[in-house]
Amino acid sequence: MVRGQTLAVGETSLFCGVELAHTHTSVLIEELVAQAPDGPVDLDWLLGHLDKRSFGLLLLLLGLLVIVPGVASLATLMVIVPSVEMMLGRSRPSFPRFLSKRPFDFKRFKRLTEIVQPGLRAIENLSRPRWTLPHAAAHRLVGAVVFLLALSAIWPLPLVNVIPGAVIILIAIAYLQEDGLLLAVASAAAFLSLAGFGWTVWTSGGAVMRWMGHPS
């Protein structure tokens, strides 16, 4: 495999277990943005322009949307669906109609992709297939970690979605690059994010209980 490239349609991947081809993730995103209409789009349009077997690319795109103000809550709900399907060992992502038909402003997403593209290319240049895991183990591990991050991002706390969204993006890149080392780093970052979220909820709950006159 060429360093700094990811897999899409055409070559068998140890992580996703389907036939994928060598294409930079950054290039796939650029092509997707170039095809987007001027107005709002929905998830059906997004899935129609992706290889529907590509959980990694879908998680990357939804992870970016988790950070975008105005669509973060909807994107977080959307992330939960493929993460559960990955834990169940499904090979293709699918969404209920009430989520797949909800429109969102693609212009904000486009602006965000322009910001993150240099960082994404840098990670692609450093990342390579290593520490590869069996298909089922990698698929379910990524699904479980992303599921927990999505649950932490959905809470109505200021900026609570930013760190989980960034970690989901890193996990998706590691999955696409078949980089077990990067996946281990991303999983450690996820643990720190979840631990920080748990501490925040615990201290906030304690403060509310004290304010109500019931010391915890």
C-alpha atoms as a PDB file:
ATOM      1  CA  MET A   1       0.000   0.000   0.000  1.00  0.00           C
ATOM      2  CA  VAL A   2       1.304   3.478  -0.861  1.00  0.00           C
ATOM      3  CA  ARG A   3       2.135   5.607   2.171  1.00  0.00           C
ATOM      4  CA  GLY A   4      -0.382   8.317   2.932  1.00  0.00           C
ATOM      5  CA  GLN A   5      -3.208   6.765   0.938  1.00  0.00           C
ATOM      6  CA  THR A   6      -6.492   5.246   2.029  1.00  0.00           C
ATOM      7  CA  LEU A   7      -8.683   2.544   0.598  1.00  0.00           C
ATOM      8  CA  ALA A   8     -11.891   2.883  -1.366  1.00  0.00           C
ATOM      9  CA  VAL A   9     -13.445   0.770  -4.150  1.00  0.00           C
ATOM     10  CA  GLY A  10     -11.119  -1.914  -5.617  1.00  0.00           C
ATOM     11  CA  GLU A  11      -8.862  -3.551  -3.020  1.00  0.00           C
ATOM     12  CA  THR A  12      -9.514  -5.861  -0.073  1.00  0.00           C
ATOM     13  CA  SER A  13      -8.953  -4.189   3.308  1.00  0.00           C
ATOM     14  CA  LEU A  14      -8.017  -5.972   6.524  1.00  0.00           C
ATOM     15  CA  PHE A  15     -10.014  -3.425   8.519  1.00  0.00           C
ATOM     16  CA  CYS A  16     -13.245  -3.246   6.566  1.00  0.00           C
ATOM     17  CA  GLY A  17     -13.256  -6.601   4.826  1.00  0.00           C
ATOM     18  CA  VAL A  18     -14.541  -5.269   1.489  1.00  0.00           C
ATOM     19  CA  GLU A  19     -12.912  -4.456  -1.807  1.00  0.00           C
ATOM     20  CA  LEU A  20     -11.446  -0.971  -1.775  1.00  0.00           C
ATOM     21  CA  ALA A  21      -9.052   1.158  -3.972  1.00  0.00           C
ATOM     22  CA  HIS A  22      -6.161   3.480  -3.114  1.00  0.00           C
ATOM     23  CA  THR A  23      -7.483   7.017  -2.785  1.00  0.00           C
ATOM     24  CA  HIS A  24      -6.557   9.787  -0.368  1.00  0.00           C
ATOM     25  CA  THR A  25      -9.394  10.568   2.030  1.00  0.00           C
ATOM     26  CA  SER A  26      -8.720  14.285   1.464  1.00  0.00           C
ATOM     27  CA  VAL A  27      -9.241  13.756  -2.276  1.00  0.00           C
ATOM     28  CA  LEU A  28     -12.542  11.951  -1.694  1.00  0.00           C
ATOM     29  CA  ILE A  29     -13.757  14.850   0.453  1.00  0.00           C
ATOM     30  CA  GLU A  30     -12.706  17.388  -2.187  1.00  0.00           C
ATOM     31  CA  GLU A  31     -14.638  15.454  -4.835  1.00  0.00           C
ATOM     32  CA  LEU A  32     -17.695  15.261  -2.587  1.00  0.00           C
ATOM     33  CA  VAL A  33     -17.639  19.005  -1.890  1.00  0.00           C
ATOM     34  CA  ALA A  34     -17.240  19.749  -5.601  1.00  0.00           C
ATOM     35  CA  GLN A  35     -20.387  17.738  -6.398  1.00  0.00           C
ATOM     36  CA  ALA A  36     -22.530  19.345  -3.691  1.00  0.00           C
ATOM     37  CA  PRO A  37     -25.443  21.587  -4.781  1.00  0.00           C
ATOM     38  CA  ASP A  38     -25.657  25.203  -3.664  1.00  0.00           C
ATOM     39  CA  GLY A  39     -28.556  24.647  -1.268  1.00  0.00           C
ATOM     40  CA  PRO A  40     -29.100  22.295   1.677  1.00  0.00           C
ATOM     41  CA  VAL A  41     -28.490  18.562   1.291  1.00  0.00           C
ATOM     42  CA  ASP A  42     -29.668  15.560   3.268  1.00  0.00           C
ATOM     43  CA  LEU A  43     -28.037  12.324   4.365  1.00  0.00           C
ATOM     44  CA  ASP A  44     -29.579  10.428   1.450  1.00  0.00           C
ATOM     45  CA  TRP A  45     -27.648  12.673  -0.933  1.00  0.00           C
ATOM     46  CA  LEU A  46     -24.477  12.148   1.093  1.00  0.00           C
ATOM     47  CA  LEU A  47     -24.807   8.351   1.093  1.00  0.00           C
ATOM     48  CA  GLY A  48     -25.600   8.424  -2.609  1.00  0.00           C
ATOM     49  CA  HIS A  49     -22.195   9.982  -3.288  1.00  0.00           C
ATOM     50  CA  LEU A  50     -20.250   7.577  -1.083  1.00  0.00           C
ATOM     51  CA  ASP A  51     -19.480   3.909  -1.327  1.00  0.00           C
ATOM     52  CA  LYS A  52     -22.180   2.748   1.111  1.00  0.00           C
ATOM     53  CA  ARG A  53     -19.792   0.128   2.498  1.00  0.00           C
ATOM     54  CA  SER A  54     -17.413   2.824   3.657  1.00  0.00           C
ATOM     55  CA  PHE A  55     -18.149   3.207   7.354  1.00  0.00           C
ATOM     56  CA  GLY A  56     -14.817   4.990   7.808  1.00  0.00           C
ATOM     57  CA  LEU A  57     -15.522   7.796   5.362  1.00  0.00           C
ATOM     58  CA  LEU A  58     -19.071   8.168   6.674  1.00  0.00           C
ATOM     59  CA  LEU A  59     -17.796   8.477  10.258  1.00  0.00           C
ATOM     60  CA  LEU A  60     -15.236  11.043   9.101  1.00  0.00           C
ATOM     61  CA  LEU A  61     -17.870  13.206   7.413  1.00  0.00           C
ATOM     62  CA  LEU A  62     -20.311  12.936  10.323  1.00  0.00           C
ATOM     63  CA  GLY A  63     -17.485  13.640  12.786  1.00  0.00           C
ATOM     64  CA  LEU A  64     -16.834  16.888  10.924  1.00  0.00           C
ATOM     65  CA  LEU A  65     -20.544  17.742  11.108  1.00  0.00           C
ATOM     66  CA  VAL A  66     -20.561  17.066  14.867  1.00  0.00           C
ATOM     67  CA  ILE A  67     -18.280  20.092  15.229  1.00  0.00           C
ATOM     68  CA  VAL A  68     -20.338  22.372  12.952  1.00  0.00           C
ATOM     69  CA  PRO A  69     -22.634  24.761  14.897  1.00  0.00           C
ATOM     70  CA  GLY A  70     -26.294  24.403  13.994  1.00  0.00           C
ATOM     71  CA  VAL A  71     -26.102  20.787  12.827  1.00  0.00           C
ATOM     72  CA  ALA A  72     -24.063  19.279  15.686  1.00  0.00           C
ATOM     73  CA  SER A  73     -27.042  17.771  17.533  1.00  0.00           C
ATOM     74  CA  LEU A  74     -28.482  16.145  14.403  1.00  0.00           C
ATOM     75  CA  ALA A  75     -25.035  14.912  13.312  1.00  0.00           C
ATOM     76  CA  THR A  76     -24.456  13.370  16.742  1.00  0.00           C
ATOM     77  CA  LEU A  77     -27.704  11.408  16.447  1.00  0.00           C
ATOM     78  CA  MET A  78     -26.620  10.294  12.984  1.00  0.00           C
ATOM     79  CA  VAL A  79     -23.232   9.073  14.280  1.00  0.00           C
ATOM     80  CA  ILE A  80     -24.974   6.763  16.748  1.00  0.00           C
ATOM     81  CA  VAL A  81     -26.629   4.786  13.932  1.00  0.00           C
ATOM     82  CA  PRO A  82     -23.495   3.586  12.058  1.00  0.00           C
ATOM     83  CA  SER A  83     -21.619   3.037  15.320  1.00  0.00           C
ATOM     84  CA  VAL A  84     -24.318   0.624  16.517  1.00  0.00           C
ATOM     85  CA  GLU A  85     -24.328  -1.102  13.130  1.00  0.00           C
ATOM     86  CA  MET A  86     -20.546  -1.532  13.342  1.00  0.00           C
ATOM     87  CA  MET A  87     -20.848  -3.078  16.798  1.00  0.00           C
ATOM     88  CA  LEU A  88     -23.427  -5.480  15.362  1.00  0.00           C
ATOM     89  CA  GLY A  89     -21.046  -6.429  12.554  1.00  0.00           C
ATOM     90  CA  ARG A  90     -23.100  -4.943   9.711  1.00  0.00           C
ATOM     91  CA  SER A  91     -21.303  -4.358   6.402  1.00  0.00           C
ATOM     92  CA  ARG A  92     -23.329  -1.374   5.143  1.00  0.00           C
ATOM     93  CA  PRO A  93     -24.594   1.734   6.937  1.00  0.00           C
ATOM     94  CA  SER A  94     -28.299   2.567   6.772  1.00  0.00           C
ATOM     95  CA  PHE A  95     -30.425   5.242   8.419  1.00  0.00           C
ATOM     96  CA  PRO A  96     -34.085   5.626   9.388  1.00  0.00           C
ATOM     97  CA  ARG A  97     -35.961   7.976   7.080  1.00  0.00           C
ATOM     98  CA  PHE A  98     -36.539  10.677   9.721  1.00  0.00           C
ATOM     99  CA  LEU A  99     -32.745  11.134   9.891  1.00  0.00           C
ATOM    100  CA  SER A 100     -31.805  10.518   6.272  1.00  0.00           C
ATOM    101  CA  LYS A 101     -34.270  13.149   4.980  1.00  0.00           C
ATOM    102  CA  ARG A 102     -33.327  15.930   7.425  1.00  0.00           C
ATOM    103  CA  PRO A 103     -31.583  18.705   5.415  1.00  0.00           C
ATOM    104  CA  PHE A 104     -28.499  20.562   6.627  1.00  0.00           C
ATOM    105  CA  ASP A 105     -26.549  23.551   5.323  1.00  0.00           C
ATOM    106  CA  PHE A 106     -23.658  22.120   3.316  1.00  0.00           C
ATOM    107  CA  LYS A 107     -21.923  25.518   3.064  1.00  0.00           C
ATOM    108  CA  ARG A 108     -20.823  25.339   6.709  1.00  0.00           C
ATOM    109  CA  PHE A 109     -19.519  21.825   6.147  1.00  0.00           C
ATOM    110  CA  LYS A 110     -17.624  23.012   3.055  1.00  0.00           C
ATOM    111  CA  ARG A 111     -15.968  25.818   5.008  1.00  0.00           C
ATOM    112  CA  LEU A 112     -14.949  23.378   7.735  1.00  0.00           C
ATOM    113  CA  THR A 113     -13.439  20.922   5.238  1.00  0.00           C
ATOM    114  CA  GLU A 114     -11.305  23.736   3.825  1.00  0.00           C
ATOM    115  CA  ILE A 115      -9.985  24.392   7.328  1.00  0.00           C
ATOM    116  CA  VAL A 116      -9.213  20.767   8.193  1.00  0.00           C
ATOM    117  CA  GLN A 117      -7.813  19.652   4.822  1.00  0.00           C
ATOM    118  CA  PRO A 118      -4.180  20.672   5.580  1.00  0.00           C
ATOM    119  CA  GLY A 119      -4.258  18.760   8.869  1.00  0.00           C
ATOM    120  CA  LEU A 120      -5.896  15.772   7.195  1.00  0.00           C
ATOM    121  CA  ARG A 121      -3.207  15.674   4.494  1.00  0.00           C
ATOM    122  CA  ALA A 122      -0.492  15.871   7.151  1.00  0.00           C
ATOM    123  CA  ILE A 123      -1.978  12.889   9.008  1.00  0.00           C
ATOM    124  CA  GLU A 124      -2.283  10.963   5.737  1.00  0.00           C
ATOM    125  CA  ASN A 125       1.400  11.546   4.989  1.00  0.00           C
ATOM    126  CA  LEU A 126       2.440  10.265   8.418  1.00  0.00           C
ATOM    127  CA  SER A 127      -0.026   7.397   8.659  1.00  0.00           C
ATOM    128  CA  ARG A 128       0.394   3.960   7.079  1.00  0.00           C
ATOM    129  CA  PRO A 129      -0.973   0.427   7.521  1.00  0.00           C
ATOM    130  CA  ARG A 130       0.527  -1.013  10.734  1.00  0.00           C
ATOM    131  CA  TRP A 131      -0.571  -2.917  13.818  1.00  0.00           C
ATOM    132  CA  THR A 132      -3.469  -4.219  11.721  1.00  0.00           C
ATOM    133  CA  LEU A 133      -6.343  -5.857  13.581  1.00  0.00           C
ATOM    134  CA  PRO A 134      -8.685  -8.618  12.403  1.00  0.00           C
ATOM    135  CA  HIS A 135     -11.670  -7.239  10.516  1.00  0.00           C
ATOM    136  CA  ALA A 136     -14.310  -8.112  13.121  1.00  0.00           C
ATOM    137  CA  ALA A 137     -12.237  -6.781  16.038  1.00  0.00           C
ATOM    138  CA  ALA A 138     -11.427  -3.449  14.354  1.00  0.00           C
ATOM    139  CA  HIS A 139     -14.998  -2.994  13.097  1.00  0.00           C
ATOM    140  CA  ARG A 140     -16.570  -3.550  16.510  1.00  0.00           C
ATOM    141  CA  LEU A 141     -13.895  -1.644  18.446  1.00  0.00           C
ATOM    142  CA  VAL A 142     -14.353   1.454  16.304  1.00  0.00           C
ATOM    143  CA  GLY A 143     -18.138   1.168  16.581  1.00  0.00           C
ATOM    144  CA  ALA A 144     -18.053   0.874  20.388  1.00  0.00           C
ATOM    145  CA  VAL A 145     -15.677   3.799  20.915  1.00  0.00           C
ATOM    146  CA  VAL A 146     -17.561   6.064  18.494  1.00  0.00           C
ATOM    147  CA  PHE A 147     -20.863   5.115  20.149  1.00  0.00           C
ATOM    148  CA  LEU A 148     -19.588   6.223  23.571  1.00  0.00           C
ATOM    149  CA  LEU A 149     -18.174   9.442  22.126  1.00  0.00           C
ATOM    150  CA  ALA A 150     -21.500  10.200  20.437  1.00  0.00           C
ATOM    151  CA  LEU A 151     -23.370   9.702  23.718  1.00  0.00           C
ATOM    152  CA  SER A 152     -21.008  12.141  25.430  1.00  0.00           C
ATOM    153  CA  ALA A 153     -21.378  14.703  22.616  1.00  0.00           C
ATOM    154  CA  ILE A 154     -25.175  14.751  22.720  1.00  0.00           C
ATOM    155  CA  TRP A 155     -25.412  16.275  26.207  1.00  0.00           C
ATOM    156  CA  PRO A 156     -26.622  19.918  26.295  1.00  0.00           C
ATOM    157  CA  LEU A 157     -23.399  21.388  27.649  1.00  0.00           C
ATOM    158  CA  PRO A 158     -21.404  24.246  26.043  1.00  0.00           C
ATOM    159  CA  LEU A 159     -18.865  23.013  23.452  1.00  0.00           C
ATOM    160  CA  VAL A 160     -19.305  19.437  24.725  1.00  0.00           C
ATOM    161  CA  ASN A 161     -19.431  18.220  21.119  1.00  0.00           C
ATOM    162  CA  VAL A 162     -16.072  19.616  19.951  1.00  0.00           C
ATOM    163  CA  ILE A 163     -13.597  17.188  21.540  1.00  0.00           C
ATOM    164  CA  PRO A 164     -15.661  14.034  20.861  1.00  0.00           C
ATOM    165  CA  GLY A 165     -16.155  15.187  17.269  1.00  0.00           C
ATOM    166  CA  ALA A 166     -12.409  15.706  16.817  1.00  0.00           C
ATOM    167  CA  VAL A 167     -11.659  12.260  18.282  1.00  0.00           C
ATOM    168  CA  ILE A 168     -14.266  10.634  16.004  1.00  0.00           C
ATOM    169  CA  ILE A 169     -12.491  12.251  13.032  1.00  0.00           C
ATOM    170  CA  LEU A 170      -9.141  10.853  14.211  1.00  0.00           C
ATOM    171  CA  ILE A 171     -10.627   7.373  14.709  1.00  0.00           C
ATOM    172  CA  ALA A 172     -12.190   7.477  11.233  1.00  0.00           C
ATOM    173  CA  ILE A 173      -8.852   8.423   9.657  1.00  0.00           C
ATOM    174  CA  ALA A 174      -7.102   5.576  11.503  1.00  0.00           C
ATOM    175  CA  TYR A 175      -9.803   3.175  10.294  1.00  0.00           C
ATOM    176  CA  LEU A 176      -9.508   4.369   6.694  1.00  0.00           C
ATOM    177  CA  GLN A 177      -5.691   4.266   6.785  1.00  0.00           C
ATOM    178  CA  GLU A 178      -5.675   0.817   8.439  1.00  0.00           C
ATOM    179  CA  ASP A 179      -3.295   2.340  10.975  1.00  0.00           C
ATOM    180  CA  GLY A 180      -3.528   0.356  14.213  1.00  0.00           C
ATOM    181  CA  LEU A 181      -1.037   2.641  15.945  1.00  0.00           C
ATOM    182  CA  LEU A 182      -3.091   5.729  15.128  1.00  0.00           C
ATOM    183  CA  LEU A 183      -6.219   3.849  16.214  1.00  0.00           C
ATOM    184  CA  ALA A 184      -4.571   3.099  19.570  1.00  0.00           C
ATOM    185  CA  VAL A 185      -3.679   6.788  19.980  1.00  0.00           C
ATOM    186  CA  ALA A 186      -7.215   7.815  19.011  1.00  0.00           C
ATOM    187  CA  SER A 187      -8.692   5.288  21.457  1.00  0.00           C
ATOM    188  CA  ALA A 188      -6.519   6.722  24.237  1.00  0.00           C
ATOM    189  CA  ALA A 189      -7.753  10.210  23.302  1.00  0.00           C
ATOM    190  CA  ALA A 190     -11.313   8.878  23.413  1.00  0.00           C
ATOM    191  CA  PHE A 191     -10.717   7.491  26.916  1.00  0.00           C
ATOM    192  CA  LEU A 192      -9.421  10.880  28.097  1.00  0.00           C
ATOM    193  CA  SER A 193     -12.378  12.634  26.475  1.00  0.00           C
ATOM    194  CA  LEU A 194     -14.873  10.280  28.122  1.00  0.00           C
ATOM    195  CA  ALA A 195     -13.104  10.561  31.484  1.00  0.00           C
ATOM    196  CA  GLY A 196     -13.220  14.363  31.245  1.00  0.00           C
ATOM    197  CA  PHE A 197     -16.891  14.238  30.317  1.00  0.00           C
ATOM    198  CA  GLY A 198     -17.641  11.917  33.242  1.00  0.00           C
ATOM    199  CA  TRP A 199     -15.822  14.228  35.654  1.00  0.00           C
ATOM    200  CA  THR A 200     -17.742  17.237  34.281  1.00  0.00           C
ATOM    201  CA  VAL A 201     -21.098  15.499  34.702  1.00  0.00           C
ATOM    202  CA  TRP A 202     -20.174  14.316  38.220  1.00  0.00           C
ATOM    203  CA  THR A 203     -19.055  17.743  39.429  1.00  0.00           C
ATOM    204  CA  SER A 204     -22.000  19.479  37.743  1.00  0.00           C
ATOM    205  CA  GLY A 205     -24.418  17.016  39.338  1.00  0.00           C
ATOM    206  CA  GLY A 206     -22.800  17.590  42.713  1.00  0.00           C
ATOM    207  CA  ALA A 207     -23.113  21.350  42.325  1.00  0.00           C
ATOM    208  CA  VAL A 208     -26.795  21.060  41.412  1.00  0.00           C
ATOM    209  CA  MET A 209     -27.484  18.787  44.398  1.00  0.00           C
ATOM    210  CA  ARG A 210     -25.777  21.217  46.754  1.00  0.00           C
ATOM    211  CA  TRP A 211     -27.712  24.108  45.238  1.00  0.00           C
ATOM    212  CA  MET A 212     -30.937  22.174  45.861  1.00  0.00           C
ATOM    213  CA  GLY A 213     -29.930  21.644  49.457  1.00  0.00           C
ATOM    214  CA  HIS A 214     -29.083  17.925  49.183  1.00  0.00           C
ATOM    215  CA  PRO A 215     -25.322  17.546  49.682  1.00  0.00           C
ATOM    216  CA  SER A 216     -23.849  14.663  47.682  1.00  0.00           C
END
